[in-house]
Structures are given as C-alpha cells and as structure tokens.
Amino acid sequence: MNFSGLDFVHGCSAIGAGLAMIAGIGPGVGQGIAAGYGASAVGKNPGARSDITSTMLLGQAVAETTGLYGLVVAIILMFVKPFG
C-alpha cells in the first residue's frame, strides 16, 4: 500500500476529530453533578427553587461550552480539508 501525504493528513484529521470528541465527557459529568446537587438543594429548601434552578442552568450553560468547542474542532477537522 502506498500512502500519499494527503492520505496521511486526512487520517490524522479523523483521529484528531475523534480525540476532540473526548472533550464531551467533562461537561457531561459536570452537568450531571450540578443537576444532582441542584435537585438535592431544592429538596432541602423548596422555597428557593427558582433561584437554585436559574443558577444551576447558568452554570450548566457555561460548562457546556467546552463540549461545544470540542464539537466545532471535530467538525472542522472532518470537513475542512487543508490540502484537498
């Protein structure tokens, strides 16, 4: 088998895209923990439900940006061919 430099770049781009998607693990774990603590806090103090929910959702939105950046990097690596 003969591989050209372009084939090597495309293969490395696919591997890099897969590695970039690993960035989705962190936000998933973090959001799960935040939702668990939010539900626990609402259970302890039901009167503060709206404050707890809004704070929790803001924190989850900030945490999700890491996963979205990983997705954007993966899409760029898969569909933007630098030498093609």
PDB file of N, CA and C in Angstrom:
ATOM      1  N   MET A   1       0.827  -1.181   0.000  1.00  0.00           N
ATOM      2  CA  MET A   1       0.000   0.000   0.000  1.00  0.00           C
ATOM      3  C   MET A   1       0.868   1.240   0.000  1.00  0.00           C
ATOM      4  N   ASN A   2       0.520   2.141  -0.847  1.00  0.00           N
ATOM      5  CA  ASN A   2       1.220   3.418  -0.882  1.00  0.00           C
ATOM      6  C   ASN A   2       0.293   4.499  -0.343  1.00  0.00           C
ATOM      7  N   PHE A   3       0.787   5.224   0.612  1.00  0.00           N
ATOM      8  CA  PHE A   3       0.028   6.336   1.173  1.00  0.00           C
ATOM      9  C   PHE A   3       0.704   7.627   0.765  1.00  0.00           C
ATOM     10  N   SER A   4      -0.103   8.542   0.270  1.00  0.00           N
ATOM     11  CA  SER A   4       0.447   9.851  -0.058  1.00  0.00           C
ATOM     12  C   SER A   4       0.375  10.740   1.181  1.00  0.00           C
ATOM     13  N   GLY A   5       1.000  11.868   1.097  1.00  0.00           N
ATOM     14  CA  GLY A   5       0.961  12.816   2.204  1.00  0.00           C
ATOM     15  C   GLY A   5      -0.450  13.296   2.490  1.00  0.00           C
ATOM     16  N   LEU A   6      -1.265  13.399   1.446  1.00  0.00           N
ATOM     17  CA  LEU A   6      -2.652  13.837   1.614  1.00  0.00           C
ATOM     18  C   LEU A   6      -3.467  12.798   2.368  1.00  0.00           C
ATOM     19  N   ASP A   7      -3.241  11.521   2.071  1.00  0.00           N
ATOM     20  CA  ASP A   7      -3.932  10.458   2.815  1.00  0.00           C
ATOM     21  C   ASP A   7      -3.543  10.473   4.286  1.00  0.00           C
ATOM     22  N   PHE A   8      -2.290  10.737   4.560  1.00  0.00           N
ATOM     23  CA  PHE A   8      -1.817  10.801   5.938  1.00  0.00           C
ATOM     24  C   PHE A   8      -2.481  11.956   6.672  1.00  0.00           C
ATOM     25  N   VAL A   9      -2.606  13.102   6.035  1.00  0.00           N
ATOM     26  CA  VAL A   9      -3.248  14.267   6.654  1.00  0.00           C
ATOM     27  C   VAL A   9      -4.717  13.974   6.927  1.00  0.00           C
ATOM     28  N   HIS A  10      -5.402  13.340   5.995  1.00  0.00           N
ATOM     29  CA  HIS A  10      -6.814  13.016   6.198  1.00  0.00           C
ATOM     30  C   HIS A  10      -6.989  12.003   7.335  1.00  0.00           C
ATOM     31  N   GLY A  11      -6.109  11.024   7.416  1.00  0.00           N
ATOM     32  CA  GLY A  11      -6.167  10.051   8.502  1.00  0.00           C
ATOM     33  C   GLY A  11      -5.919  10.691   9.854  1.00  0.00           C
ATOM     34  N   CYS A  12      -4.925  11.555   9.910  1.00  0.00           N
ATOM     35  CA  CYS A  12      -4.637  12.249  11.172  1.00  0.00           C
ATOM     36  C   CYS A  12      -5.775  13.191  11.549  1.00  0.00           C
ATOM     37  N   SER A  13      -6.434  13.780  10.563  1.00  0.00           N
ATOM     38  CA  SER A  13      -7.594  14.639  10.845  1.00  0.00           C
ATOM     39  C   SER A  13      -8.732  13.830  11.460  1.00  0.00           C
ATOM     40  N   ALA A  14      -8.954  12.622  10.961  1.00  0.00           N
ATOM     41  CA  ALA A  14     -10.007  11.773  11.516  1.00  0.00           C
ATOM     42  C   ALA A  14      -9.672  11.344  12.947  1.00  0.00           C
ATOM     43  N   ILE A  15      -8.430  11.016  13.195  1.00  0.00           N
ATOM     44  CA  ILE A  15      -8.018  10.642  14.554  1.00  0.00           C
ATOM     45  C   ILE A  15      -8.148  11.847  15.486  1.00  0.00           C
ATOM     46  N   GLY A  16      -7.734  13.008  15.023  1.00  0.00           N
ATOM     47  CA  GLY A  16      -7.850  14.217  15.832  1.00  0.00           C
ATOM     48  C   GLY A  16      -9.295  14.577  16.134  1.00  0.00           C
ATOM     49  N   ALA A  17     -10.190  14.343  15.169  1.00  0.00           N
ATOM     50  CA  ALA A  17     -11.611  14.614  15.407  1.00  0.00           C
ATOM     51  C   ALA A  17     -12.165  13.683  16.477  1.00  0.00           C
ATOM     52  N   GLY A  18     -11.746  12.432  16.439  1.00  0.00           N
ATOM     53  CA  GLY A  18     -12.191  11.504  17.478  1.00  0.00           C
ATOM     54  C   GLY A  18     -11.673  11.896  18.847  1.00  0.00           C
ATOM     55  N   LEU A  19     -10.428  12.330  18.901  1.00  0.00           N
ATOM     56  CA  LEU A  19      -9.865  12.775  20.178  1.00  0.00           C
ATOM     57  C   LEU A  19     -10.538  14.057  20.672  1.00  0.00           C
ATOM     58  N   ALA A  20     -10.914  14.924  19.759  1.00  0.00           N
ATOM     59  CA  ALA A  20     -11.580  16.170  20.152  1.00  0.00           C
ATOM     60  C   ALA A  20     -12.946  15.893  20.768  1.00  0.00           C
ATOM     61  N   MET A  21     -13.585  14.819  20.354  1.00  0.00           N
ATOM     62  CA  MET A  21     -14.902  14.495  20.907  1.00  0.00           C
ATOM     63  C   MET A  21     -14.811  13.962  22.339  1.00  0.00           C
ATOM     64  N   ILE A  22     -13.622  13.608  22.776  1.00  0.00           N
ATOM     65  CA  ILE A  22     -13.446  13.215  24.174  1.00  0.00           C
ATOM     66  C   ILE A  22     -13.757  14.403  25.088  1.00  0.00           C
ATOM     67  N   ALA A  23     -13.680  15.607  24.547  1.00  0.00           N
ATOM     68  CA  ALA A  23     -13.989  16.806  25.335  1.00  0.00           C
ATOM     69  C   ALA A  23     -15.444  16.824  25.793  1.00  0.00           C
ATOM     70  N   GLY A  24     -16.290  15.971  25.253  1.00  0.00           N
ATOM     71  CA  GLY A  24     -17.686  15.918  25.682  1.00  0.00           C
ATOM     72  C   GLY A  24     -17.896  15.171  26.987  1.00  0.00           C
ATOM     73  N   ILE A  25     -16.886  14.443  27.454  1.00  0.00           N
ATOM     74  CA  ILE A  25     -17.032  13.682  28.689  1.00  0.00           C
ATOM     75  C   ILE A  25     -17.095  14.605  29.895  1.00  0.00           C
ATOM     76  N   GLY A  26     -16.222  15.588  29.939  1.00  0.00           N
ATOM     77  CA  GLY A  26     -16.164  16.501  31.082  1.00  0.00           C
ATOM     78  C   GLY A  26     -17.461  17.258  31.332  1.00  0.00           C
ATOM     79  N   PRO A  27     -18.012  17.918  30.313  1.00  0.00           N
ATOM     80  CA  PRO A  27     -19.275  18.623  30.538  1.00  0.00           C
ATOM     81  C   PRO A  27     -20.418  17.688  30.927  1.00  0.00           C
ATOM     82  N   GLY A  28     -20.425  16.488  30.397  1.00  0.00           N
ATOM     83  CA  GLY A  28     -21.486  15.549  30.760  1.00  0.00           C
ATOM     84  C   GLY A  28     -21.442  15.181  32.230  1.00  0.00           C
ATOM     85  N   VAL A  29     -20.247  14.899  32.716  1.00  0.00           N
ATOM     86  CA  VAL A  29     -20.089  14.564  34.134  1.00  0.00           C
ATOM     87  C   VAL A  29     -20.404  15.781  35.001  1.00  0.00           C
ATOM     88  N   GLY A  30     -19.882  16.933  34.611  1.00  0.00           N
ATOM     89  CA  GLY A  30     -20.112  18.152  35.386  1.00  0.00           C
ATOM     90  C   GLY A  30     -21.569  18.547  35.460  1.00  0.00           C
ATOM     91  N   GLN A  31     -22.275  18.428  34.356  1.00  0.00           N
ATOM     92  CA  GLN A  31     -23.695  18.781  34.356  1.00  0.00           C
ATOM     93  C   GLN A  31     -24.509  17.789  35.166  1.00  0.00           C
ATOM     94  N   GLY A  32     -24.125  16.541  35.135  1.00  0.00           N
ATOM     95  CA  GLY A  32     -24.820  15.553  35.956  1.00  0.00           C
ATOM     96  C   GLY A  32     -24.644  15.825  37.442  1.00  0.00           C
ATOM     97  N   ILE A  33     -23.440  16.179  37.827  1.00  0.00           N
ATOM     98  CA  ILE A  33     -23.190  16.505  39.229  1.00  0.00           C
ATOM     99  C   ILE A  33     -23.962  17.756  39.629  1.00  0.00           C
ATOM    100  N   ALA A  34     -23.952  18.776  38.765  1.00  0.00           N
ATOM    101  CA  ALA A  34     -24.672  20.010  39.071  1.00  0.00           C
ATOM    102  C   ALA A  34     -26.174  19.765  39.188  1.00  0.00           C
ATOM    103  N   ALA A  35     -26.727  18.949  38.301  1.00  0.00           N
ATOM    104  CA  ALA A  35     -28.162  18.647  38.372  1.00  0.00           C
ATOM    105  C   ALA A  35     -28.490  17.878  39.646  1.00  0.00           C
ATOM    106  N   GLY A  36     -27.616  16.971  40.051  1.00  0.00           N
ATOM    107  CA  GLY A  36     -27.832  16.217  41.283  1.00  0.00           C
ATOM    108  C   GLY A  36     -27.821  17.113  42.504  1.00  0.00           C
ATOM    109  N   TYR A  37     -26.840  18.006  42.575  1.00  0.00           N
ATOM    110  CA  TYR A  37     -26.781  18.923  43.699  1.00  0.00           C
ATOM    111  C   TYR A  37     -27.932  19.922  43.669  1.00  0.00           C
ATOM    112  N   GLY A  38     -28.345  20.328  42.468  1.00  0.00           N
ATOM    113  CA  GLY A  38     -29.499  21.224  42.360  1.00  0.00           C
ATOM    114  C   GLY A  38     -30.771  20.563  42.850  1.00  0.00           C
ATOM    115  N   ALA A  39     -30.976  19.313  42.481  1.00  0.00           N
ATOM    116  CA  ALA A  39     -32.162  18.587  42.952  1.00  0.00           C
ATOM    117  C   ALA A  39     -32.112  18.391  44.465  1.00  0.00           C
ATOM    118  N   SER A  40     -30.940  18.132  44.995  1.00  0.00           N
ATOM    119  CA  SER A  40     -30.785  17.986  46.444  1.00  0.00           C
ATOM    120  C   SER A  40     -31.077  19.301  47.162  1.00  0.00           C
ATOM    121  N   ALA A  41     -30.604  20.401  46.595  1.00  0.00           N
ATOM    122  CA  ALA A  41     -30.839  21.709  47.212  1.00  0.00           C
ATOM    123  C   ALA A  41     -32.314  22.083  47.177  1.00  0.00           C
ATOM    124  N   VAL A  42     -33.000  21.769  46.090  1.00  0.00           N
ATOM    125  CA  VAL A  42     -34.434  22.051  46.006  1.00  0.00           C
ATOM    126  C   VAL A  42     -35.192  21.178  47.005  1.00  0.00           C
ATOM    127  N   GLY A  43     -34.740  19.963  47.203  1.00  0.00           N
ATOM    128  CA  GLY A  43     -35.368  19.080  48.177  1.00  0.00           C
ATOM    129  C   GLY A  43     -35.224  19.602  49.601  1.00  0.00           C
ATOM    130  N   LYS A  44     -34.088  20.225  49.890  1.00  0.00           N
ATOM    131  CA  LYS A  44     -33.854  20.767  51.225  1.00  0.00           C
ATOM    132  C   LYS A  44     -34.560  22.101  51.449  1.00  0.00           C
ATOM    133  N   ASN A  45     -34.676  22.907  50.379  1.00  0.00           N
ATOM    134  CA  ASN A  45     -35.283  24.235  50.504  1.00  0.00           C
ATOM    135  C   ASN A  45     -36.182  24.492  49.294  1.00  0.00           C
ATOM    136  N   PRO A  46     -37.413  23.984  49.304  1.00  0.00           N
ATOM    137  CA  PRO A  46     -38.292  24.146  48.141  1.00  0.00           C
ATOM    138  C   PRO A  46     -38.658  25.600  47.838  1.00  0.00           C
ATOM    139  N   GLY A  47     -38.564  26.465  48.811  1.00  0.00           N
ATOM    140  CA  GLY A  47     -38.913  27.868  48.586  1.00  0.00           C
ATOM    141  C   GLY A  47     -37.930  28.593  47.686  1.00  0.00           C
ATOM    142  N   ALA A  48     -36.715  28.104  47.595  1.00  0.00           N
ATOM    143  CA  ALA A  48     -35.684  28.751  46.775  1.00  0.00           C
ATOM    144  C   ALA A  48     -35.515  28.048  45.435  1.00  0.00           C
ATOM    145  N   ARG A  49     -36.566  27.367  44.982  1.00  0.00           N
ATOM    146  CA  ARG A  49     -36.463  26.569  43.756  1.00  0.00           C
ATOM    147  C   ARG A  49     -36.085  27.402  42.540  1.00  0.00           C
ATOM    148  N   SER A  50     -36.686  28.578  42.368  1.00  0.00           N
ATOM    149  CA  SER A  50     -36.397  29.372  41.170  1.00  0.00           C
ATOM    150  C   SER A  50     -34.966  29.901  41.180  1.00  0.00           C
ATOM    151  N   ASP A  51     -34.465  30.320  42.349  1.00  0.00           N
ATOM    152  CA  ASP A  51     -33.080  30.798  42.424  1.00  0.00           C
ATOM    153  C   ASP A  51     -32.088  29.671  42.158  1.00  0.00           C
ATOM    154  N   ILE A  52     -32.350  28.521  42.735  1.00  0.00           N
ATOM    155  CA  ILE A  52     -31.452  27.376  42.553  1.00  0.00           C
ATOM    156  C   ILE A  52     -31.451  26.931  41.100  1.00  0.00           C
ATOM    157  N   THR A  53     -32.633  26.866  40.496  1.00  0.00           N
ATOM    158  CA  THR A  53     -32.732  26.407  39.109  1.00  0.00           C
ATOM    159  C   THR A  53     -32.028  27.368  38.154  1.00  0.00           C
ATOM    160  N   SER A  54     -32.219  28.664  38.338  1.00  0.00           N
ATOM    161  CA  SER A  54     -31.580  29.621  37.428  1.00  0.00           C
ATOM    162  C   SER A  54     -30.065  29.596  37.572  1.00  0.00           C
ATOM    163  N   THR A  55     -29.564  29.483  38.790  1.00  0.00           N
ATOM    164  CA  THR A  55     -28.126  29.404  38.991  1.00  0.00           C
ATOM    165  C   THR A  55     -27.556  28.118  38.397  1.00  0.00           C
ATOM    166  N   MET A  56     -28.277  27.008  38.596  1.00  0.00           N
ATOM    167  CA  MET A  56     -27.816  25.728  38.065  1.00  0.00           C
ATOM    168  C   MET A  56     -27.779  25.756  36.534  1.00  0.00           C
ATOM    169  N   LEU A  57     -28.803  26.300  35.904  1.00  0.00           N
ATOM    170  CA  LEU A  57     -28.836  26.341  34.442  1.00  0.00           C
ATOM    171  C   LEU A  57     -27.758  27.248  33.874  1.00  0.00           C
ATOM    172  N   LEU A  58     -27.465  28.350  34.553  1.00  0.00           N
ATOM    173  CA  LEU A  58     -26.380  29.224  34.103  1.00  0.00           C
ATOM    174  C   LEU A  58     -25.048  28.495  34.185  1.00  0.00           C
ATOM    175  N   GLY A  59     -24.825  27.781  35.269  1.00  0.00           N
ATOM    176  CA  GLY A  59     -23.585  27.012  35.409  1.00  0.00           C
ATOM    177  C   GLY A  59     -23.462  25.914  34.376  1.00  0.00           C
ATOM    178  N   GLN A  60     -24.566  25.257  34.061  1.00  0.00           N
ATOM    179  CA  GLN A  60     -24.523  24.203  33.055  1.00  0.00           C
ATOM    180  C   GLN A  60     -24.269  24.766  31.669  1.00  0.00           C
ATOM    181  N   ALA A  61     -24.801  25.944  31.387  1.00  0.00           N
ATOM    182  CA  ALA A  61     -24.553  26.561  30.078  1.00  0.00           C
ATOM    183  C   ALA A  61     -23.076  26.905  29.922  1.00  0.00           C
ATOM    184  N   VAL A  62     -22.459  27.390  30.983  1.00  0.00           N
ATOM    185  CA  VAL A  62     -21.029  27.706  30.930  1.00  0.00           C
ATOM    186  C   VAL A  62     -20.208  26.420  30.767  1.00  0.00           C
ATOM    187  N   ALA A  63     -20.593  25.363  31.465  1.00  0.00           N
ATOM    188  CA  ALA A  63     -19.857  24.103  31.372  1.00  0.00           C
ATOM    189  C   ALA A  63     -19.992  23.470  29.988  1.00  0.00           C
ATOM    190  N   GLU A  64     -21.097  23.695  29.329  1.00  0.00           N
ATOM    191  CA  GLU A  64     -21.348  23.076  28.025  1.00  0.00           C
ATOM    192  C   GLU A  64     -20.458  23.658  26.932  1.00  0.00           C
ATOM    193  N   THR A  65     -19.925  24.865  27.130  1.00  0.00           N
ATOM    194  CA  THR A  65     -19.110  25.477  26.079  1.00  0.00           C
ATOM    195  C   THR A  65     -17.884  24.633  25.754  1.00  0.00           C
ATOM    196  N   THR A  66     -17.323  23.942  26.739  1.00  0.00           N
ATOM    197  CA  THR A  66     -16.164  23.084  26.467  1.00  0.00           C
ATOM    198  C   THR A  66     -16.524  21.980  25.478  1.00  0.00           C
ATOM    199  N   GLY A  67     -17.664  21.350  25.694  1.00  0.00           N
ATOM    200  CA  GLY A  67     -18.108  20.302  24.778  1.00  0.00           C
ATOM    201  C   GLY A  67     -18.401  20.841  23.388  1.00  0.00           C
ATOM    202  N   LEU A  68     -18.979  22.037  23.328  1.00  0.00           N
ATOM    203  CA  LEU A  68     -19.275  22.629  22.018  1.00  0.00           C
ATOM    204  C   LEU A  68     -18.001  22.998  21.271  1.00  0.00           C
ATOM    205  N   TYR A  69     -16.989  23.482  21.994  1.00  0.00           N
ATOM    206  CA  TYR A  69     -15.717  23.776  21.335  1.00  0.00           C
ATOM    207  C   TYR A  69     -15.091  22.505  20.775  1.00  0.00           C
ATOM    208  N   GLY A  70     -15.172  21.418  21.522  1.00  0.00           N
ATOM    209  CA  GLY A  70     -14.668  20.140  21.022  1.00  0.00           C
ATOM    210  C   GLY A  70     -15.406  19.684  19.781  1.00  0.00           C
ATOM    211  N   LEU A  71     -16.730  19.875  19.764  1.00  0.00           N
ATOM    212  CA  LEU A  71     -17.529  19.509  18.590  1.00  0.00           C
ATOM    213  C   LEU A  71     -17.147  20.351  17.379  1.00  0.00           C
ATOM    214  N   VAL A  72     -16.949  21.639  17.581  1.00  0.00           N
ATOM    215  CA  VAL A  72     -16.562  22.516  16.475  1.00  0.00           C
ATOM    216  C   VAL A  72     -15.203  22.105  15.911  1.00  0.00           C
ATOM    217  N   VAL A  73     -14.266  21.802  16.786  1.00  0.00           N
ATOM    218  CA  VAL A  73     -12.948  21.365  16.329  1.00  0.00           C
ATOM    219  C   VAL A  73     -13.060  20.062  15.541  1.00  0.00           C
ATOM    220  N   ALA A  74     -13.882  19.126  16.029  1.00  0.00           N
ATOM    221  CA  ALA A  74     -14.051  17.855  15.318  1.00  0.00           C
ATOM    222  C   ALA A  74     -14.679  18.063  13.943  1.00  0.00           C
ATOM    223  N   ILE A  75     -15.682  18.921  13.848  1.00  0.00           N
ATOM    224  CA  ILE A  75     -16.322  19.191  12.556  1.00  0.00           C
ATOM    225  C   ILE A  75     -15.338  19.844  11.595  1.00  0.00           C
ATOM    226  N   ILE A  76     -14.547  20.777  12.093  1.00  0.00           N
ATOM    227  CA  ILE A  76     -13.558  21.425  11.233  1.00  0.00           C
ATOM    228  C   ILE A  76     -12.541  20.394  10.731  1.00  0.00           C
ATOM    229  N   LEU A  77     -12.078  19.528  11.625  1.00  0.00           N
ATOM    230  CA  LEU A  77     -11.093  18.528  11.209  1.00  0.00           C
ATOM    231  C   LEU A  77     -11.667  17.533  10.202  1.00  0.00           C
ATOM    232  N   MET A  78     -12.951  17.219  10.312  1.00  0.00           N
ATOM    233  CA  MET A  78     -13.542  16.225   9.414  1.00  0.00           C
ATOM    234  C   MET A  78     -13.915  16.803   8.058  1.00  0.00           C
ATOM    235  N   PHE A  79     -14.361  18.054   8.014  1.00  0.00           N
ATOM    236  CA  PHE A  79     -14.930  18.563   6.770  1.00  0.00           C
ATOM    237  C   PHE A  79     -14.099  19.641   6.077  1.00  0.00           C
ATOM    238  N   VAL A  80     -13.120  20.181   6.734  1.00  0.00           N
ATOM    239  CA  VAL A  80     -12.252  21.176   6.090  1.00  0.00           C
ATOM    240  C   VAL A  80     -10.953  20.463   5.744  1.00  0.00           C
ATOM    241  N   LYS A  81     -10.757  20.240   4.488  1.00  0.00           N
ATOM    242  CA  LYS A  81      -9.566  19.520   4.016  1.00  0.00           C
ATOM    243  C   LYS A  81      -8.483  20.547   3.679  1.00  0.00           C
ATOM    244  N   PRO A  82      -7.399  20.575   4.453  1.00  0.00           N
ATOM    245  CA  PRO A  82      -6.407  21.633   4.269  1.00  0.00           C
ATOM    246  C   PRO A  82      -5.645  21.561   2.949  1.00  0.00           C
ATOM    247  N   PHE A  83      -5.417  20.356   2.433  1.00  0.00           N
ATOM    248  CA  PHE A  83      -4.628  20.232   1.208  1.00  0.00           C
ATOM    249  C   PHE A  83      -5.409  19.585   0.070  1.00  0.00           C
ATOM    250  N   GLY A  84      -6.735  19.458   0.239  1.00  0.00           N
ATOM    251  CA  GLY A  84      -7.530  18.737  -0.748  1.00  0.00           C
ATOM    252  C   GLY A  84      -8.034  19.565  -1.865  1.00  0.00           C
TER     253      GLY A  84
END
